[in-house]
C-alpha atoms as a PDB file:
ATOM      1  CA  MET A   1     302.104 165.522 174.183  1.00  0.00           C
ATOM      2  CA  TYR A   2     302.416 162.798 177.573  1.00  0.00           C
ATOM      3  CA  LEU A   3     303.722 164.057 180.554  1.00  0.00           C
ATOM      4  CA  THR A   4     304.035 161.819 183.882  1.00  0.00           C
ATOM      5  CA  CYS A   5     304.796 163.265 187.210  1.00  0.00           C
ATOM      6  CA  ASN A   6     304.222 162.952 191.120  1.00  0.00           C
ATOM      7  CA  PRO A   7     302.181 165.282 193.328  1.00  0.00           C
ATOM      8  CA  GLY A   8     304.381 168.184 194.282  1.00  0.00           C
ATOM      9  CA  GLY A   9     306.885 170.296 192.677  1.00  0.00           C
ATOM     10  CA  VAL A  10     307.027 173.315 190.665  1.00  0.00           C
ATOM     11  CA  GLY A  11     304.096 172.715 187.707  1.00  0.00           C
ATOM     12  CA  HIS A  12     301.887 170.627 190.879  1.00  0.00           C
ATOM     13  CA  GLN A  13     299.354 173.460 190.965  1.00  0.00           C
ATOM     14  CA  TRP A  14     298.560 173.507 187.274  1.00  0.00           C
ATOM     15  CA  VAL A  15     298.881 169.838 186.849  1.00  0.00           C
ATOM     16  CA  LYS A  16     296.260 169.702 189.839  1.00  0.00           C
ATOM     17  CA  ARG A  17     294.350 172.280 188.249  1.00  0.00           C
ATOM     18  CA  LEU A  18     294.124 170.984 184.517  1.00  0.00           C
ATOM     19  CA  PHE A  19     294.049 166.948 185.095  1.00  0.00           C
ATOM     20  CA  ILE A  20     292.631 166.546 188.330  1.00  0.00           C
ATOM     21  CA  GLU A  21     290.605 169.442 189.522  1.00  0.00           C
ATOM     22  CA  ARG A  22     289.645 169.921 185.770  1.00  0.00           C
ATOM     23  CA  LYS A  23     289.536 173.429 186.036  1.00  0.00           C
ATOM     24  CA  PHE A  24     289.845 175.254 183.024  1.00  0.00           C
ATOM     25  CA  LYS A  25     290.622 178.885 181.839  1.00  0.00           C
ATOM     26  CA  ASP A  26     289.184 180.675 178.402  1.00  0.00           C
ATOM     27  CA  GLY A  27     291.555 178.827 175.380  1.00  0.00           C
ATOM     28  CA  GLU A  28     291.963 175.470 176.937  1.00  0.00           C
ATOM     29  CA  ASN A  29     289.614 172.521 175.875  1.00  0.00           C
ATOM     30  CA  PRO A  30     289.173 170.099 178.027  1.00  0.00           C
ATOM     31  CA  ASP A  31     289.388 167.146 175.435  1.00  0.00           C
ATOM     32  CA  ASP A  32     292.823 168.103 175.196  1.00  0.00           C
ATOM     33  CA  TYR A  33     293.445 166.887 179.085  1.00  0.00           C
ATOM     34  CA  VAL A  34     293.291 163.309 180.376  1.00  0.00           C
ATOM     35  CA  PHE A  35     294.693 162.192 183.427  1.00  0.00           C
ATOM     36  CA  ILE A  36     295.349 158.494 183.833  1.00  0.00           C
ATOM     37  CA  ALA A  37     296.388 157.746 187.289  1.00  0.00           C
ATOM     38  CA  ALA A  38     299.159 155.245 188.120  1.00  0.00           C
ATOM     39  CA  LYS A  39     300.768 154.170 191.339  1.00  0.00           C
ATOM     40  CA  TYR A  40     304.243 152.558 191.929  1.00  0.00           C
ATOM     41  CA  SER A  41     302.039 148.961 192.354  1.00  0.00           C
ATOM     42  CA  ASP A  42     300.435 149.256 188.680  1.00  0.00           C
ATOM     43  CA  ASN A  43     303.736 148.743 187.644  1.00  0.00           C
ATOM     44  CA  ALA A  44     304.391 144.789 187.795  1.00  0.00           C
ATOM     45  CA  ASP A  45     308.325 145.180 186.790  1.00  0.00           C
ATOM     46  CA  LEU A  46     309.126 147.424 189.457  1.00  0.00           C
ATOM     47  CA  MET A  47     307.427 145.861 192.411  1.00  0.00           C
ATOM     48  CA  LYS A  48     309.309 142.315 190.771  1.00  0.00           C
ATOM     49  CA  PHE A  49     312.572 143.500 190.228  1.00  0.00           C
ATOM     50  CA  SER A  50     312.743 146.509 193.119  1.00  0.00           C
ATOM     51  CA  PRO A  51     311.089 145.292 196.496  1.00  0.00           C
ATOM     52  CA  ALA A  52     312.744 147.767 198.078  1.00  0.00           C
ATOM     53  CA  TYR A  53     311.088 150.387 196.502  1.00  0.00           C
ATOM     54  CA  ARG A  54     307.516 149.991 198.410  1.00  0.00           C
ATOM     55  CA  THR A  55     309.911 149.964 201.473  1.00  0.00           C
ATOM     56  CA  MET A  56     311.567 153.434 200.508  1.00  0.00           C
ATOM     57  CA  LEU A  57     307.420 155.027 200.052  1.00  0.00           C
ATOM     58  CA  ASP A  58     306.601 154.149 203.002  1.00  0.00           C
ATOM     59  CA  ASN A  59     309.218 155.192 205.437  1.00  0.00           C
ATOM     60  CA  LEU A  60     308.781 158.813 203.570  1.00  0.00           C
ATOM     61  CA  PRO A  61     307.598 161.925 205.734  1.00  0.00           C
ATOM     62  CA  GLU A  62     303.648 161.277 205.844  1.00  0.00           C
ATOM     63  CA  SER A  63     302.490 164.188 203.615  1.00  0.00           C
ATOM     64  CA  ILE A  64     305.336 163.165 200.795  1.00  0.00           C
ATOM     65  CA  ARG A  65     304.331 159.231 201.351  1.00  0.00           C
ATOM     66  CA  LYS A  66     300.807 160.204 200.949  1.00  0.00           C
ATOM     67  CA  ALA A  67     301.727 162.418 197.380  1.00  0.00           C
ATOM     68  CA  HIS A  68     304.293 160.066 196.135  1.00  0.00           C
ATOM     69  CA  ARG A  69     303.043 156.120 197.510  1.00  0.00           C
ATOM     70  CA  ASP A  70     299.076 156.934 197.029  1.00  0.00           C
ATOM     71  CA  GLY A  71     299.015 159.884 194.233  1.00  0.00           C
ATOM     72  CA  ASP A  72     297.320 162.015 196.802  1.00  0.00           C
ATOM     73  CA  TRP A  73     296.950 165.900 195.004  1.00  0.00           C
ATOM     74  CA  ASN A  74     296.363 167.468 198.291  1.00  0.00           C
ATOM     75  CA  ALA A  75     298.864 165.793 200.332  1.00  0.00           C
ATOM     76  CA  LEU A  76     301.485 168.413 199.456  1.00  0.00           C
ATOM     77  CA  ALA A  77     301.929 172.092 197.294  1.00  0.00           C
ATOM     78  CA  GLY A  78     302.161 174.279 200.128  1.00  0.00           C
ATOM     79  CA  GLN A  79     298.843 172.993 201.736  1.00  0.00           C
ATOM     80  CA  TYR A  80     298.317 174.762 205.395  1.00  0.00           C
ATOM     81  CA  PHE A  81     296.092 172.251 206.977  1.00  0.00           C
ATOM     82  CA  SER A  82     297.839 168.812 205.991  1.00  0.00           C
ATOM     83  CA  GLU A  83     294.990 167.215 207.330  1.00  0.00           C
ATOM     84  CA  PHE A  84     292.465 168.843 204.986  1.00  0.00           C
ATOM     85  CA  SER A  85     290.558 165.866 203.063  1.00  0.00           C
ATOM     86  CA  PRO A  86     287.650 166.805 200.301  1.00  0.00           C
ATOM     87  CA  GLU A  87     285.806 164.103 200.902  1.00  0.00           C
ATOM     88  CA  ARG A  88     285.585 165.184 204.727  1.00  0.00           C
ATOM     89  CA  HIS A  89     285.748 168.720 204.847  1.00  0.00           C
ATOM     90  CA  THR A  90     283.648 169.436 201.949  1.00  0.00           C
ATOM     91  CA  CYS A  91     279.996 169.145 200.944  1.00  0.00           C
ATOM     92  CA  LYS A  92     277.300 169.675 198.598  1.00  0.00           C
ATOM     93  CA  PRO A  93     275.642 173.297 198.621  1.00  0.00           C
ATOM     94  CA  PHE A  94     272.183 173.458 200.646  1.00  0.00           C
ATOM     95  CA  PRO A  95     270.530 176.382 201.441  1.00  0.00           C
ATOM     96  CA  VAL A  96     271.836 177.487 204.579  1.00  0.00           C
ATOM     97  CA  PRO A  97     268.772 177.865 207.217  1.00  0.00           C
ATOM     98  CA  THR A  98     267.969 181.537 208.066  1.00  0.00           C
ATOM     99  CA  GLU A  99     268.026 180.609 211.947  1.00  0.00           C
ATOM    100  CA  TRP A 100     272.059 180.029 211.804  1.00  0.00           C
ATOM    101  CA  LYS A 101     273.999 182.969 212.537  1.00  0.00           C
ATOM    102  CA  LYS A 102     276.148 183.831 210.158  1.00  0.00           C
ATOM    103  CA  TYR A 103     279.652 185.638 210.607  1.00  0.00           C
ATOM    104  CA  ARG A 104     282.267 187.194 207.717  1.00  0.00           C
ATOM    105  CA  VAL A 105     285.716 187.006 208.154  1.00  0.00           C
ATOM    106  CA  PHE A 106     288.104 188.788 206.719  1.00  0.00           C
ATOM    107  CA  ASP A 107     292.464 189.525 205.796  1.00  0.00           C
ATOM    108  CA  TYR A 108     293.233 192.546 204.041  1.00  0.00           C
ATOM    109  CA  GLY A 109     296.396 190.736 202.768  1.00  0.00           C
ATOM    110  CA  LEU A 110     299.422 192.175 200.847  1.00  0.00           C
ATOM    111  CA  ASP A 111     298.456 191.111 197.958  1.00  0.00           C
ATOM    112  CA  CYS A 112     295.477 190.428 197.754  1.00  0.00           C
ATOM    113  CA  PHE A 113     291.527 190.746 199.957  1.00  0.00           C
ATOM    114  CA  ALA A 114     290.299 187.515 201.107  1.00  0.00           C
ATOM    115  CA  LEU A 115     286.818 187.203 202.816  1.00  0.00           C
ATOM    116  CA  LEU A 116     284.384 184.485 204.251  1.00  0.00           C
ATOM    117  CA  TRP A 117     281.198 184.026 204.988  1.00  0.00           C
ATOM    118  CA  LEU A 118     280.393 181.558 207.893  1.00  0.00           C
ATOM    119  CA  ALA A 119     277.687 179.776 208.961  1.00  0.00           C
ATOM    120  CA  VAL A 120     277.274 178.217 212.876  1.00  0.00           C
ATOM    121  CA  ASP A 121     274.771 175.370 213.031  1.00  0.00           C
ATOM    122  CA  PHE A 122     272.388 174.862 216.047  1.00  0.00           C
ATOM    123  CA  SER A 123     275.297 171.918 217.146  1.00  0.00           C
ATOM    124  CA  GLY A 124     278.411 174.963 216.639  1.00  0.00           C
ATOM    125  CA  ARG A 125     279.684 173.003 213.851  1.00  0.00           C
ATOM    126  CA  CYS A 126     280.660 176.049 211.066  1.00  0.00           C
ATOM    127  CA  TRP A 127     280.530 176.035 207.236  1.00  0.00           C
ATOM    128  CA  LEU A 128     282.051 178.331 205.012  1.00  0.00           C
ATOM    129  CA  TYR A 129     279.216 179.093 202.618  1.00  0.00           C
ATOM    130  CA  ARG A 130     280.584 181.841 199.979  1.00  0.00           C
ATOM    131  CA  GLU A 131     283.837 183.521 199.312  1.00  0.00           C
ATOM    132  CA  ALA A 132     285.434 186.256 197.589  1.00  0.00           C
ATOM    133  CA  ALA A 133     289.052 187.363 197.310  1.00  0.00           C
ATOM    134  CA  GLN A 134     289.941 189.909 194.962  1.00  0.00           C
ATOM    135  CA  SER A 135     293.856 191.679 194.324  1.00  0.00           C
ATOM    136  CA  GLY A 136     294.827 195.343 194.626  1.00  0.00           C
ATOM    137  CA  LEU A 137     291.986 197.147 196.108  1.00  0.00           C
ATOM    138  CA  ILE A 138     292.005 199.884 198.583  1.00  0.00           C
ATOM    139  CA  VAL A 139     290.525 199.646 201.940  1.00  0.00           C
ATOM    140  CA  SER A 140     286.902 201.041 200.668  1.00  0.00           C
ATOM    141  CA  ASP A 141     286.646 199.112 197.909  1.00  0.00           C
ATOM    142  CA  ALA A 142     287.134 196.024 199.527  1.00  0.00           C
ATOM    143  CA  ALA A 143     284.408 197.092 201.999  1.00  0.00           C
ATOM    144  CA  GLN A 144     282.232 197.534 199.126  1.00  0.00           C
ATOM    145  CA  LEU A 145     282.999 194.118 197.815  1.00  0.00           C
ATOM    146  CA  ALA A 146     282.148 192.708 201.058  1.00  0.00           C
ATOM    147  CA  ILE A 147     279.141 194.532 201.091  1.00  0.00           C
ATOM    148  CA  GLY A 148     278.525 193.827 197.884  1.00  0.00           C
ATOM    149  CA  CYS A 149     278.948 190.083 197.706  1.00  0.00           C
ATOM    150  CA  THR A 150     276.198 189.909 201.180  1.00  0.00           C
ATOM    151  CA  PRO A 151     272.554 190.036 199.496  1.00  0.00           C
ATOM    152  CA  PRO A 152     270.523 192.491 200.898  1.00  0.00           C
ATOM    153  CA  GLY A 153     268.636 191.341 203.922  1.00  0.00           C
ATOM    154  CA  GLU A 154     271.100 188.505 204.775  1.00  0.00           C
ATOM    155  CA  ARG A 155     271.686 188.928 208.214  1.00  0.00           C
ATOM    156  CA  ILE A 156     275.347 189.137 209.707  1.00  0.00           C
ATOM    157  CA  GLU A 157     276.001 188.578 213.245  1.00  0.00           C
ATOM    158  CA  TYR A 158     279.464 191.029 212.892  1.00  0.00           C
ATOM    159  CA  THR A 159     282.624 190.890 210.749  1.00  0.00           C
ATOM    160  CA  ILE A 160     285.644 189.632 211.974  1.00  0.00           C
ATOM    161  CA  ALA A 161     289.224 191.036 211.061  1.00  0.00           C
ATOM    162  CA  PRO A 162     292.166 192.220 212.438  1.00  0.00           C
ATOM    163  CA  PRO A 163     292.510 196.203 212.593  1.00  0.00           C
ATOM    164  CA  ARG A 164     296.248 196.288 210.793  1.00  0.00           C
ATOM    165  CA  PRO A 165     298.277 193.161 209.485  1.00  0.00           C
ATOM    166  CA  ILE A 166     300.853 193.212 212.734  1.00  0.00           C
ATOM    167  CA  ASN A 167     302.493 190.370 214.036  1.00  0.00           C
ATOM    168  CA  ILE A 168     301.731 189.778 218.042  1.00  0.00           C
ATOM    169  CA  LEU A 169     303.443 186.577 219.157  1.00  0.00           C
ATOM    170  CA  GLY A 170     303.264 185.170 215.969  1.00  0.00           C
ATOM    171  CA  GLY A 171     299.678 185.355 215.366  1.00  0.00           C
ATOM    172  CA  TYR A 172     297.536 188.684 213.848  1.00  0.00           C
ATOM    173  CA  ALA A 173     295.641 190.595 216.385  1.00  0.00           C
ATOM    174  CA  VAL A 174     292.210 189.972 216.299  1.00  0.00           C
ATOM    175  CA  MET A 175     289.091 192.458 216.650  1.00  0.00           C
ATOM    176  CA  HIS A 176     285.655 191.804 216.110  1.00  0.00           C
ATOM    177  CA  ARG A 177     283.708 195.019 214.732  1.00  0.00           C
ATOM    178  CA  LYS A 178     280.388 195.610 213.813  1.00  0.00           C
ATOM    179  CA  ILE A 179     279.772 196.241 210.429  1.00  0.00           C
ATOM    180  CA  ALA A 180     276.646 197.512 208.489  1.00  0.00           C
ATOM    181  CA  ALA A 181     275.760 195.154 206.308  1.00  0.00           C
END
């Protein structure tokens, strides 16, 4: 079966997971999925007979232009940070120096508990080095997940969390609490 599509729309995450990121679930055979990138500029007939098409793509809003003209699969699909770029904002894993200060940050959301471990280097740059997320947890189970995913002896300066999911002036009330690791 051959499929053609642009980034965005209902099937975006499914196509991106299988064909772009190549993250497969049980029963999915990687050999069954091949991605062949094709941009509008690859279509010689389109370029010849419809030169206004490029102008139309160039005039789209930035995120849609990046997706439809440039084939950027990170430009759409409900992405909160539109400026996110894997090339700029990610790196190969490396051992976090023990001298860097480390923090845990979590959100006990309506449908999923999400937890991040962050390290701050000597220049103030923040590095995400571990994450965990799980649905259906009561508060005590979420706390156990946080503690269980933090290796024994790892020094955590403190854990940052909203005291409860209340909306205050369009944002969450944030409270610093020192939680024993």
